[in-house]
Amino acid sequence: MRGPRRPPVERVREELQAVAGPEVARRLPSGYQRLGHVLLVRWPESLRPQFPLLSDAFHRTLGVRTILRHVGPIEGELRLPKVEVLREGPTETEVVEHGVRWRFDAARIMFAAGNRTERARAGKLVHPGETVIDLFAGIGYFAVPAAKVGGAERVLAVERNPLSVHYLEENARGNGVADRVSALLGDNREVSLPTGWADRVFLGYLPSAVPWVARAVPLLRPEGGWLHVHAVVDARGACAAAEREVTKAAELAGGRLDAPAKAREVKPYGPGRTHVVVDARVVPARN
């Protein structure tokens, strides 16, 4: 009887070892991210002579059509990826997660695998009939699950990257929620938004959305609503530090917390740093 099938990277490493030797094969990272027919890799520059071999091997092993290599950190307020094309092919792709269908251009749009759980949680947080604002909507990471899974009555999704807005609208249509998700192209510091309207506001910006808490608090209903604030903080004492930051920002914006803010870790974010999200129910100041 056959044993369990070996992971794809082990099969590729065996090919690499036969051609370039065990020391070169050892340098092949075990991790990669598959986004539909697109593969994202972080191969070190020292393996560049073997990039054609590796690309062909992963194409055969995984059946991917396009291979992209990360060549630098995510850049700027628009969070744009920096990639190198190692195997030519279409970069527009489709991913299905927890019943939500995502379409995007993997070479021009960031789609972090480590945020998978948080994308799913967004839909579970929202209650049917709620009104929701997403201040950093991207391609609909939280806005689409809020409507499709959570049953939000109305979602206002603000995004300043025109390409992301294109895919946001396409994803809303593809998931059958275009009648409840409104994409607003522009900077959330300047776009006109209804005050006293939202049951819930998502602030999914890194390295920190805390500076936008002051923008979000007045958007909440007079009786209060939820803020979901993302930030990167030191890994040691990460949750407590983030809770303090969000609490202070909400109070400076004239808000009052109904209960202590609660943070959870999303994923590691580089050496000694952690991506966290803080859930805080805030009552805005009375006029």
C-alpha atoms as a PDB file:
ATOM      1  CA  MET A   1       0.000   0.000   0.000  1.00  0.00           C
ATOM      2  CA  ARG A   2       1.138   3.519  -0.727  1.00  0.00           C
ATOM      3  CA  GLY A   3       2.005   5.801   2.171  1.00  0.00           C
ATOM      4  CA  PRO A   4       0.734   9.373   2.561  1.00  0.00           C
ATOM      5  CA  ARG A   5       1.593  11.664  -0.325  1.00  0.00           C
ATOM      6  CA  ARG A   6       4.532  13.916   0.462  1.00  0.00           C
ATOM      7  CA  PRO A   7       3.983  17.697   0.612  1.00  0.00           C
ATOM      8  CA  PRO A   8       4.651  19.439  -2.733  1.00  0.00           C
ATOM      9  CA  VAL A   9       7.626  21.390  -1.415  1.00  0.00           C
ATOM     10  CA  GLU A  10       9.370  18.164  -0.368  1.00  0.00           C
ATOM     11  CA  ARG A  11       8.977  16.743  -3.856  1.00  0.00           C
ATOM     12  CA  VAL A  12      10.356  19.963  -5.355  1.00  0.00           C
ATOM     13  CA  ARG A  13      13.226  19.987  -2.866  1.00  0.00           C
ATOM     14  CA  GLU A  14      14.142  16.459  -3.929  1.00  0.00           C
ATOM     15  CA  GLU A  15      14.310  17.597  -7.571  1.00  0.00           C
ATOM     16  CA  LEU A  16      16.423  20.575  -6.566  1.00  0.00           C
ATOM     17  CA  GLN A  17      18.790  18.400  -4.541  1.00  0.00           C
ATOM     18  CA  ALA A  18      19.365  16.071  -7.491  1.00  0.00           C
ATOM     19  CA  VAL A  19      20.399  19.003  -9.683  1.00  0.00           C
ATOM     20  CA  ALA A  20      22.083  21.453  -7.290  1.00  0.00           C
ATOM     21  CA  GLY A  21      22.980  19.427  -4.216  1.00  0.00           C
ATOM     22  CA  PRO A  22      21.657  19.173  -0.638  1.00  0.00           C
ATOM     23  CA  GLU A  23      22.987  22.539   0.567  1.00  0.00           C
ATOM     24  CA  VAL A  24      21.082  24.448  -2.128  1.00  0.00           C
ATOM     25  CA  ALA A  25      17.966  22.330  -1.563  1.00  0.00           C
ATOM     26  CA  ARG A  26      18.078  23.144   2.149  1.00  0.00           C
ATOM     27  CA  ARG A  27      17.684  26.870   1.358  1.00  0.00           C
ATOM     28  CA  LEU A  28      14.298  26.370  -0.315  1.00  0.00           C
ATOM     29  CA  PRO A  29      11.643  27.767   2.080  1.00  0.00           C
ATOM     30  CA  SER A  30       8.811  25.404   2.930  1.00  0.00           C
ATOM     31  CA  GLY A  31       6.153  28.120   2.853  1.00  0.00           C
ATOM     32  CA  TYR A  32       4.212  29.523  -0.086  1.00  0.00           C
ATOM     33  CA  GLN A  33       0.774  31.016  -0.685  1.00  0.00           C
ATOM     34  CA  ARG A  34      -1.559  29.635  -3.313  1.00  0.00           C
ATOM     35  CA  LEU A  35      -4.217  32.039  -4.597  1.00  0.00           C
ATOM     36  CA  GLY A  36      -6.264  30.111  -7.106  1.00  0.00           C
ATOM     37  CA  HIS A  37      -4.005  29.539 -10.130  1.00  0.00           C
ATOM     38  CA  VAL A  38      -1.367  31.991  -8.798  1.00  0.00           C
ATOM     39  CA  LEU A  39       1.491  30.964  -6.504  1.00  0.00           C
ATOM     40  CA  LEU A  40       3.228  33.543  -4.274  1.00  0.00           C
ATOM     41  CA  VAL A  41       6.696  32.598  -3.021  1.00  0.00           C
ATOM     42  CA  ARG A  42       9.495  34.117  -0.945  1.00  0.00           C
ATOM     43  CA  TRP A  43      12.525  32.423  -2.444  1.00  0.00           C
ATOM     44  CA  PRO A  44      15.873  33.924  -1.367  1.00  0.00           C
ATOM     45  CA  GLU A  45      18.038  35.676  -3.947  1.00  0.00           C
ATOM     46  CA  SER A  46      20.704  32.980  -3.445  1.00  0.00           C
ATOM     47  CA  LEU A  47      18.403  30.536  -5.284  1.00  0.00           C
ATOM     48  CA  ARG A  48      18.045  32.729  -8.383  1.00  0.00           C
ATOM     49  CA  PRO A  49      20.044  30.355 -10.648  1.00  0.00           C
ATOM     50  CA  GLN A  50      17.472  27.683  -9.774  1.00  0.00           C
ATOM     51  CA  PHE A  51      14.351  29.881 -10.232  1.00  0.00           C
ATOM     52  CA  PRO A  52      13.509  28.362 -13.681  1.00  0.00           C
ATOM     53  CA  LEU A  53      13.806  24.826 -12.309  1.00  0.00           C
ATOM     54  CA  LEU A  54      11.757  25.681  -9.233  1.00  0.00           C
ATOM     55  CA  SER A  55       9.075  27.418 -11.269  1.00  0.00           C
ATOM     56  CA  ASP A  56       8.705  24.432 -13.596  1.00  0.00           C
ATOM     57  CA  ALA A  57       8.641  22.016 -10.670  1.00  0.00           C
ATOM     58  CA  PHE A  58       5.924  23.903  -8.765  1.00  0.00           C
ATOM     59  CA  HIS A  59       3.940  24.302 -12.000  1.00  0.00           C
ATOM     60  CA  ARG A  60       3.970  20.524 -12.474  1.00  0.00           C
ATOM     61  CA  THR A  61       3.397  19.676  -8.805  1.00  0.00           C
ATOM     62  CA  LEU A  62       0.618  22.160  -8.007  1.00  0.00           C
ATOM     63  CA  GLY A  63      -0.787  22.895 -11.450  1.00  0.00           C
ATOM     64  CA  VAL A  64      -0.459  26.670 -10.961  1.00  0.00           C
ATOM     65  CA  ARG A  65      -0.338  28.869 -14.059  1.00  0.00           C
ATOM     66  CA  THR A  66       1.459  31.937 -12.666  1.00  0.00           C
ATOM     67  CA  ILE A  67       4.271  32.267 -10.118  1.00  0.00           C
ATOM     68  CA  LEU A  68       5.064  35.558  -8.375  1.00  0.00           C
ATOM     69  CA  ARG A  69       7.919  36.238  -5.971  1.00  0.00           C
ATOM     70  CA  HIS A  70       7.762  38.802  -3.165  1.00  0.00           C
ATOM     71  CA  VAL A  71      10.674  41.210  -3.611  1.00  0.00           C
ATOM     72  CA  GLY A  72       9.950  43.783  -0.914  1.00  0.00           C
ATOM     73  CA  PRO A  73       7.580  44.892   1.805  1.00  0.00           C
ATOM     74  CA  ILE A  74       4.030  46.080   1.229  1.00  0.00           C
ATOM     75  CA  GLU A  75       4.303  49.764   0.292  1.00  0.00           C
ATOM     76  CA  GLY A  76       2.529  52.992   1.253  1.00  0.00           C
ATOM     77  CA  GLU A  77      -0.956  53.835   2.429  1.00  0.00           C
ATOM     78  CA  LEU A  78      -2.411  51.833  -0.462  1.00  0.00           C
ATOM     79  CA  ARG A  79      -0.607  48.696   0.795  1.00  0.00           C
ATOM     80  CA  LEU A  80       0.691  47.735  -2.647  1.00  0.00           C
ATOM     81  CA  PRO A  81       2.612  44.462  -3.047  1.00  0.00           C
ATOM     82  CA  LYS A  82       6.040  44.337  -4.698  1.00  0.00           C
ATOM     83  CA  VAL A  83       6.400  41.187  -6.776  1.00  0.00           C
ATOM     84  CA  GLU A  84       8.514  39.732  -9.552  1.00  0.00           C
ATOM     85  CA  VAL A  85       6.958  37.496 -12.215  1.00  0.00           C
ATOM     86  CA  LEU A  86       8.787  34.167 -12.329  1.00  0.00           C
ATOM     87  CA  ARG A  87       6.300  32.274 -14.470  1.00  0.00           C
ATOM     88  CA  GLU A  88       4.231  34.292 -16.920  1.00  0.00           C
ATOM     89  CA  GLY A  89       0.495  33.852 -16.757  1.00  0.00           C
ATOM     90  CA  PRO A  90      -2.708  35.644 -15.767  1.00  0.00           C
ATOM     91  CA  THR A  91      -2.397  37.418 -12.418  1.00  0.00           C
ATOM     92  CA  GLU A  92      -6.135  37.979 -11.991  1.00  0.00           C
ATOM     93  CA  THR A  93      -7.375  35.074  -9.909  1.00  0.00           C
ATOM     94  CA  GLU A  94     -10.174  33.848  -7.669  1.00  0.00           C
ATOM     95  CA  VAL A  95     -10.183  32.435  -4.143  1.00  0.00           C
ATOM     96  CA  VAL A  96     -13.081  30.969  -2.145  1.00  0.00           C
ATOM     97  CA  GLU A  97     -12.942  31.259   1.658  1.00  0.00           C
ATOM     98  CA  HIS A  98     -15.701  30.284   4.069  1.00  0.00           C
ATOM     99  CA  GLY A  99     -18.299  30.548   1.327  1.00  0.00           C
ATOM    100  CA  VAL A 100     -17.147  33.980   0.122  1.00  0.00           C
ATOM    101  CA  ARG A 101     -15.736  34.294  -3.404  1.00  0.00           C
ATOM    102  CA  TRP A 102     -12.887  36.769  -3.894  1.00  0.00           C
ATOM    103  CA  ARG A 103     -11.624  38.013  -7.259  1.00  0.00           C
ATOM    104  CA  PHE A 104      -8.517  40.232  -7.521  1.00  0.00           C
ATOM    105  CA  ASP A 105      -5.189  40.793  -9.271  1.00  0.00           C
ATOM    106  CA  ALA A 106      -2.557  39.025  -7.171  1.00  0.00           C
ATOM    107  CA  ALA A 107       0.264  41.128  -8.651  1.00  0.00           C
ATOM    108  CA  ARG A 108      -1.400  44.431  -7.715  1.00  0.00           C
ATOM    109  CA  ILE A 109      -3.614  43.657  -4.717  1.00  0.00           C
ATOM    110  CA  MET A 110      -2.556  42.338  -1.305  1.00  0.00           C
ATOM    111  CA  PHE A 111      -4.461  39.262  -0.131  1.00  0.00           C
ATOM    112  CA  ALA A 112      -2.871  38.039   3.113  1.00  0.00           C
ATOM    113  CA  ALA A 113      -3.441  34.376   3.966  1.00  0.00           C
ATOM    114  CA  GLY A 114      -2.809  35.177   7.627  1.00  0.00           C
ATOM    115  CA  ASN A 115      -5.959  37.332   7.712  1.00  0.00           C
ATOM    116  CA  ARG A 116      -8.226  34.448   6.645  1.00  0.00           C
ATOM    117  CA  THR A 117      -9.651  33.915  10.119  1.00  0.00           C
ATOM    118  CA  GLU A 118     -10.303  37.624  10.591  1.00  0.00           C
ATOM    119  CA  ARG A 119     -12.132  37.867   7.261  1.00  0.00           C
ATOM    120  CA  ALA A 120     -14.375  35.014   8.373  1.00  0.00           C
ATOM    121  CA  ARG A 121     -14.845  36.528  11.845  1.00  0.00           C
ATOM    122  CA  ALA A 122     -16.084  39.804  10.334  1.00  0.00           C
ATOM    123  CA  GLY A 123     -19.171  38.051   9.033  1.00  0.00           C
ATOM    124  CA  LYS A 124     -19.809  36.334  12.359  1.00  0.00           C
ATOM    125  CA  LEU A 125     -19.526  39.586  14.319  1.00  0.00           C
ATOM    126  CA  VAL A 126     -22.229  41.348  12.323  1.00  0.00           C
ATOM    127  CA  HIS A 127     -25.888  40.836  13.225  1.00  0.00           C
ATOM    128  CA  PRO A 128     -28.709  40.783  10.649  1.00  0.00           C
ATOM    129  CA  GLY A 129     -30.066  44.252   9.946  1.00  0.00           C
ATOM    130  CA  GLU A 130     -27.002  46.149  11.162  1.00  0.00           C
ATOM    131  CA  THR A 131     -25.525  49.174   9.409  1.00  0.00           C
ATOM    132  CA  VAL A 132     -21.770  48.923   8.900  1.00  0.00           C
ATOM    133  CA  ILE A 133     -18.959  51.233   7.763  1.00  0.00           C
ATOM    134  CA  ASP A 134     -15.589  49.913   6.605  1.00  0.00           C
ATOM    135  CA  LEU A 135     -13.024  52.721   6.525  1.00  0.00           C
ATOM    136  CA  PHE A 136     -10.321  50.645   4.766  1.00  0.00           C
ATOM    137  CA  ALA A 137     -12.382  48.382   2.547  1.00  0.00           C
ATOM    138  CA  GLY A 138      -9.818  47.109   0.039  1.00  0.00           C
ATOM    139  CA  ILE A 139     -11.551  44.543  -2.177  1.00  0.00           C
ATOM    140  CA  GLY A 140     -14.240  44.004   0.460  1.00  0.00           C
ATOM    141  CA  TYR A 141     -12.303  41.961   3.032  1.00  0.00           C
ATOM    142  CA  PHE A 142     -14.772  42.828   5.818  1.00  0.00           C
ATOM    143  CA  ALA A 143     -17.545  44.582   3.884  1.00  0.00           C
ATOM    144  CA  VAL A 144     -18.557  41.569   1.784  1.00  0.00           C
ATOM    145  CA  PRO A 145     -18.665  39.040   4.682  1.00  0.00           C
ATOM    146  CA  ALA A 146     -20.563  41.627   6.778  1.00  0.00           C
ATOM    147  CA  ALA A 147     -23.309  41.639   4.156  1.00  0.00           C
ATOM    148  CA  LYS A 148     -23.210  38.031   2.925  1.00  0.00           C
ATOM    149  CA  VAL A 149     -22.552  36.129   6.152  1.00  0.00           C
ATOM    150  CA  GLY A 150     -23.661  38.652   8.776  1.00  0.00           C
ATOM    151  CA  GLY A 151     -26.745  39.875   6.953  1.00  0.00           C
ATOM    152  CA  ALA A 152     -25.981  43.583   7.330  1.00  0.00           C
ATOM    153  CA  GLU A 153     -28.750  45.759   5.954  1.00  0.00           C
ATOM    154  CA  ARG A 154     -26.320  48.341   4.570  1.00  0.00           C
ATOM    155  CA  VAL A 155     -22.544  48.538   4.298  1.00  0.00           C
ATOM    156  CA  LEU A 156     -20.611  51.668   3.321  1.00  0.00           C
ATOM    157  CA  ALA A 157     -17.162  50.607   2.123  1.00  0.00           C
ATOM    158  CA  VAL A 158     -14.553  53.373   1.754  1.00  0.00           C
ATOM    159  CA  GLU A 159     -11.432  52.748  -0.351  1.00  0.00           C
ATOM    160  CA  ARG A 160      -9.018  55.149  -2.056  1.00  0.00           C
ATOM    161  CA  ASN A 161      -7.385  52.697  -4.491  1.00  0.00           C
ATOM    162  CA  PRO A 162      -9.446  52.688  -7.728  1.00  0.00           C
ATOM    163  CA  LEU A 163      -8.324  49.154  -8.639  1.00  0.00           C
ATOM    164  CA  SER A 164      -9.417  47.856  -5.224  1.00  0.00           C
ATOM    165  CA  VAL A 165     -12.782  49.582  -5.653  1.00  0.00           C
ATOM    166  CA  HIS A 166     -13.180  47.848  -9.015  1.00  0.00           C
ATOM    167  CA  TYR A 167     -12.723  44.448  -7.359  1.00  0.00           C
ATOM    168  CA  LEU A 168     -14.789  45.465  -4.325  1.00  0.00           C
ATOM    169  CA  GLU A 169     -17.750  46.137  -6.593  1.00  0.00           C
ATOM    170  CA  GLU A 170     -17.100  42.942  -8.557  1.00  0.00           C
ATOM    171  CA  ASN A 171     -16.907  40.897  -5.344  1.00  0.00           C
ATOM    172  CA  ALA A 172     -20.115  42.438  -4.035  1.00  0.00           C
ATOM    173  CA  ARG A 173     -21.866  41.448  -7.282  1.00  0.00           C
ATOM    174  CA  GLY A 174     -20.294  37.992  -7.335  1.00  0.00           C
ATOM    175  CA  ASN A 175     -21.472  37.279  -3.798  1.00  0.00           C
ATOM    176  CA  GLY A 176     -24.971  38.609  -4.378  1.00  0.00           C
ATOM    177  CA  VAL A 177     -24.753  41.598  -2.025  1.00  0.00           C
ATOM    178  CA  ALA A 178     -24.291  44.518  -4.442  1.00  0.00           C
ATOM    179  CA  ASP A 179     -27.665  45.915  -3.354  1.00  0.00           C
ATOM    180  CA  ARG A 180     -26.407  46.258   0.233  1.00  0.00           C
ATOM    181  CA  VAL A 181     -22.718  47.166  -0.217  1.00  0.00           C
ATOM    182  CA  SER A 182     -21.937  50.691  -1.442  1.00  0.00           C
ATOM    183  CA  ALA A 183     -18.339  51.362  -2.512  1.00  0.00           C
ATOM    184  CA  LEU A 184     -17.124  54.919  -1.869  1.00  0.00           C
ATOM    185  CA  LEU A 185     -13.952  55.844  -3.783  1.00  0.00           C
ATOM    186  CA  GLY A 186     -11.821  58.311  -1.853  1.00  0.00           C
ATOM    187  CA  ASP A 187      -9.773  59.070   1.231  1.00  0.00           C
ATOM    188  CA  ASN A 188     -11.784  58.223   4.334  1.00  0.00           C
ATOM    189  CA  ARG A 189     -10.556  61.458   5.920  1.00  0.00           C
ATOM    190  CA  GLU A 190     -12.385  63.418   3.236  1.00  0.00           C
ATOM    191  CA  VAL A 191     -15.322  61.269   2.083  1.00  0.00           C
ATOM    192  CA  SER A 192     -18.682  62.409   3.460  1.00  0.00           C
ATOM    193  CA  LEU A 193     -20.050  59.775   5.848  1.00  0.00           C
ATOM    194  CA  PRO A 194     -23.243  59.783   7.947  1.00  0.00           C
ATOM    195  CA  THR A 195     -22.675  60.539  11.636  1.00  0.00           C
ATOM    196  CA  GLY A 196     -24.673  58.665  14.249  1.00  0.00           C
ATOM    197  CA  TRP A 197     -25.504  55.948  11.702  1.00  0.00           C
ATOM    198  CA  ALA A 198     -23.312  52.870  12.163  1.00  0.00           C
ATOM    199  CA  ASP A 199     -23.788  49.890  14.428  1.00  0.00           C
ATOM    200  CA  ARG A 200     -20.241  48.841  13.626  1.00  0.00           C
ATOM    201  CA  VAL A 201     -17.086  50.318  12.072  1.00  0.00           C
ATOM    202  CA  PHE A 202     -14.164  48.250  10.777  1.00  0.00           C
ATOM    203  CA  LEU A 203     -10.704  49.861  10.786  1.00  0.00           C
ATOM    204  CA  GLY A 204      -8.457  47.328   9.078  1.00  0.00           C
ATOM    205  CA  TYR A 205      -5.323  49.350   8.355  1.00  0.00           C
ATOM    206  CA  LEU A 206      -1.722  48.449   9.238  1.00  0.00           C
ATOM    207  CA  PRO A 207       0.641  49.293  10.779  1.00  0.00           C
ATOM    208  CA  SER A 208      -2.015  51.011  12.903  1.00  0.00           C
ATOM    209  CA  ALA A 209      -5.597  52.177  12.495  1.00  0.00           C
ATOM    210  CA  VAL A 210      -5.605  53.762  15.963  1.00  0.00           C
ATOM    211  CA  PRO A 211      -5.183  57.313  14.526  1.00  0.00           C
ATOM    212  CA  TRP A 212      -8.529  56.808  12.743  1.00  0.00           C
ATOM    213  CA  VAL A 213     -10.491  56.047  15.910  1.00  0.00           C
ATOM    214  CA  ALA A 214     -11.324  59.748  16.190  1.00  0.00           C
ATOM    215  CA  ARG A 215     -12.826  59.570  12.694  1.00  0.00           C
ATOM    216  CA  ALA A 216     -14.849  56.459  13.541  1.00  0.00           C
ATOM    217  CA  VAL A 217     -16.387  57.363  16.919  1.00  0.00           C
ATOM    218  CA  PRO A 218     -18.807  60.050  15.591  1.00  0.00           C
ATOM    219  CA  LEU A 219     -20.061  57.592  12.961  1.00  0.00           C
ATOM    220  CA  LEU A 220     -21.521  55.311  15.651  1.00  0.00           C
ATOM    221  CA  ARG A 221     -25.148  55.422  16.697  1.00  0.00           C
ATOM    222  CA  PRO A 222     -25.924  57.700  19.682  1.00  0.00           C
ATOM    223  CA  GLU A 223     -26.643  54.640  21.828  1.00  0.00           C
ATOM    224  CA  GLY A 224     -23.232  53.207  20.909  1.00  0.00           C
ATOM    225  CA  GLY A 225     -21.682  50.731  18.520  1.00  0.00           C
ATOM    226  CA  TRP A 226     -18.636  48.589  17.868  1.00  0.00           C
ATOM    227  CA  LEU A 227     -15.165  49.532  16.640  1.00  0.00           C
ATOM    228  CA  HIS A 228     -12.827  46.822  15.314  1.00  0.00           C
ATOM    229  CA  VAL A 229      -9.377  48.424  15.254  1.00  0.00           C
ATOM    230  CA  HIS A 230      -6.301  46.726  13.769  1.00  0.00           C
ATOM    231  CA  ALA A 231      -2.721  47.550  14.761  1.00  0.00           C
ATOM    232  CA  VAL A 232       0.799  46.137  14.910  1.00  0.00           C
ATOM    233  CA  VAL A 233       2.358  46.255  18.380  1.00  0.00           C
ATOM    234  CA  ASP A 234       5.263  44.731  20.280  1.00  0.00           C
ATOM    235  CA  ALA A 235       4.626  41.024  20.755  1.00  0.00           C
ATOM    236  CA  ARG A 236       5.304  41.206  24.474  1.00  0.00           C
ATOM    237  CA  GLY A 237       2.087  42.307  26.149  1.00  0.00           C
ATOM    238  CA  ALA A 238       0.554  42.903  22.706  1.00  0.00           C
ATOM    239  CA  CYS A 239      -3.125  42.640  23.609  1.00  0.00           C
ATOM    240  CA  ALA A 240      -2.954  44.758  26.746  1.00  0.00           C
ATOM    241  CA  ALA A 241      -0.962  47.483  24.971  1.00  0.00           C
ATOM    242  CA  ALA A 242      -3.404  47.610  22.043  1.00  0.00           C
ATOM    243  CA  GLU A 243      -6.398  47.731  24.383  1.00  0.00           C
ATOM    244  CA  ARG A 244      -4.882  50.726  26.170  1.00  0.00           C
ATOM    245  CA  GLU A 245      -4.168  52.536  22.881  1.00  0.00           C
ATOM    246  CA  VAL A 246      -7.691  52.099  21.543  1.00  0.00           C
ATOM    247  CA  THR A 247      -9.316  53.003  24.858  1.00  0.00           C
ATOM    248  CA  LYS A 248      -7.282  56.198  25.096  1.00  0.00           C
ATOM    249  CA  ALA A 249      -8.026  57.136  21.462  1.00  0.00           C
ATOM    250  CA  ALA A 250     -11.765  56.554  21.915  1.00  0.00           C
ATOM    251  CA  GLU A 251     -11.870  58.660  25.077  1.00  0.00           C
ATOM    252  CA  LEU A 252      -9.911  61.485  23.442  1.00  0.00           C
ATOM    253  CA  ALA A 253     -12.519  61.418  20.662  1.00  0.00           C
ATOM    254  CA  GLY A 254     -15.251  61.949  23.248  1.00  0.00           C
ATOM    255  CA  GLY A 255     -16.326  58.314  23.404  1.00  0.00           C
ATOM    256  CA  ARG A 256     -17.143  56.211  26.439  1.00  0.00           C
ATOM    257  CA  LEU A 257     -16.507  52.473  26.501  1.00  0.00           C
ATOM    258  CA  ASP A 258     -19.473  50.341  27.596  1.00  0.00           C
ATOM    259  CA  ALA A 259     -17.058  47.617  28.731  1.00  0.00           C
ATOM    260  CA  PRO A 260     -13.302  47.075  28.652  1.00  0.00           C
ATOM    261  CA  ALA A 261     -11.854  46.799  25.137  1.00  0.00           C
ATOM    262  CA  LYS A 262     -10.838  43.272  24.171  1.00  0.00           C
ATOM    263  CA  ALA A 263      -7.930  42.469  21.862  1.00  0.00           C
ATOM    264  CA  ARG A 264      -7.029  39.276  20.053  1.00  0.00           C
ATOM    265  CA  GLU A 265      -3.909  38.300  18.135  1.00  0.00           C
ATOM    266  CA  VAL A 266      -4.363  37.901  14.383  1.00  0.00           C
ATOM    267  CA  LYS A 267      -0.869  36.801  13.290  1.00  0.00           C
ATOM    268  CA  PRO A 268       2.860  37.416  13.837  1.00  0.00           C
ATOM    269  CA  TYR A 269       4.121  40.490  11.983  1.00  0.00           C
ATOM    270  CA  GLY A 270       7.884  40.343  11.749  1.00  0.00           C
ATOM    271  CA  PRO A 271      10.414  39.813  14.538  1.00  0.00           C
ATOM    272  CA  GLY A 272       8.996  40.774  17.920  1.00  0.00           C
ATOM    273  CA  ARG A 273       5.818  42.292  16.469  1.00  0.00           C
ATOM    274  CA  THR A 274       2.218  41.086  16.400  1.00  0.00           C
ATOM    275  CA  HIS A 275      -0.854  42.058  14.392  1.00  0.00           C
ATOM    276  CA  VAL A 276      -3.820  42.428  16.764  1.00  0.00           C
ATOM    277  CA  VAL A 277      -7.415  43.588  16.479  1.00  0.00           C
ATOM    278  CA  VAL A 278      -9.232  45.383  19.294  1.00  0.00           C
ATOM    279  CA  ASP A 279     -13.014  45.087  19.668  1.00  0.00           C
ATOM    280  CA  ALA A 280     -14.467  47.996  21.613  1.00  0.00           C
ATOM    281  CA  ARG A 281     -18.082  48.998  22.174  1.00  0.00           C
ATOM    282  CA  VAL A 282     -18.112  52.786  22.307  1.00  0.00           C
ATOM    283  CA  VAL A 283     -20.820  55.344  23.075  1.00  0.00           C
ATOM    284  CA  PRO A 284     -20.053  58.635  21.289  1.00  0.00           C
ATOM    285  CA  ALA A 285     -20.234  61.978  23.070  1.00  0.00           C
ATOM    286  CA  ARG A 286     -23.664  63.583  23.373  1.00  0.00           C
ATOM    287  CA  ASN A 287     -24.119  66.748  21.341  1.00  0.00           C
END
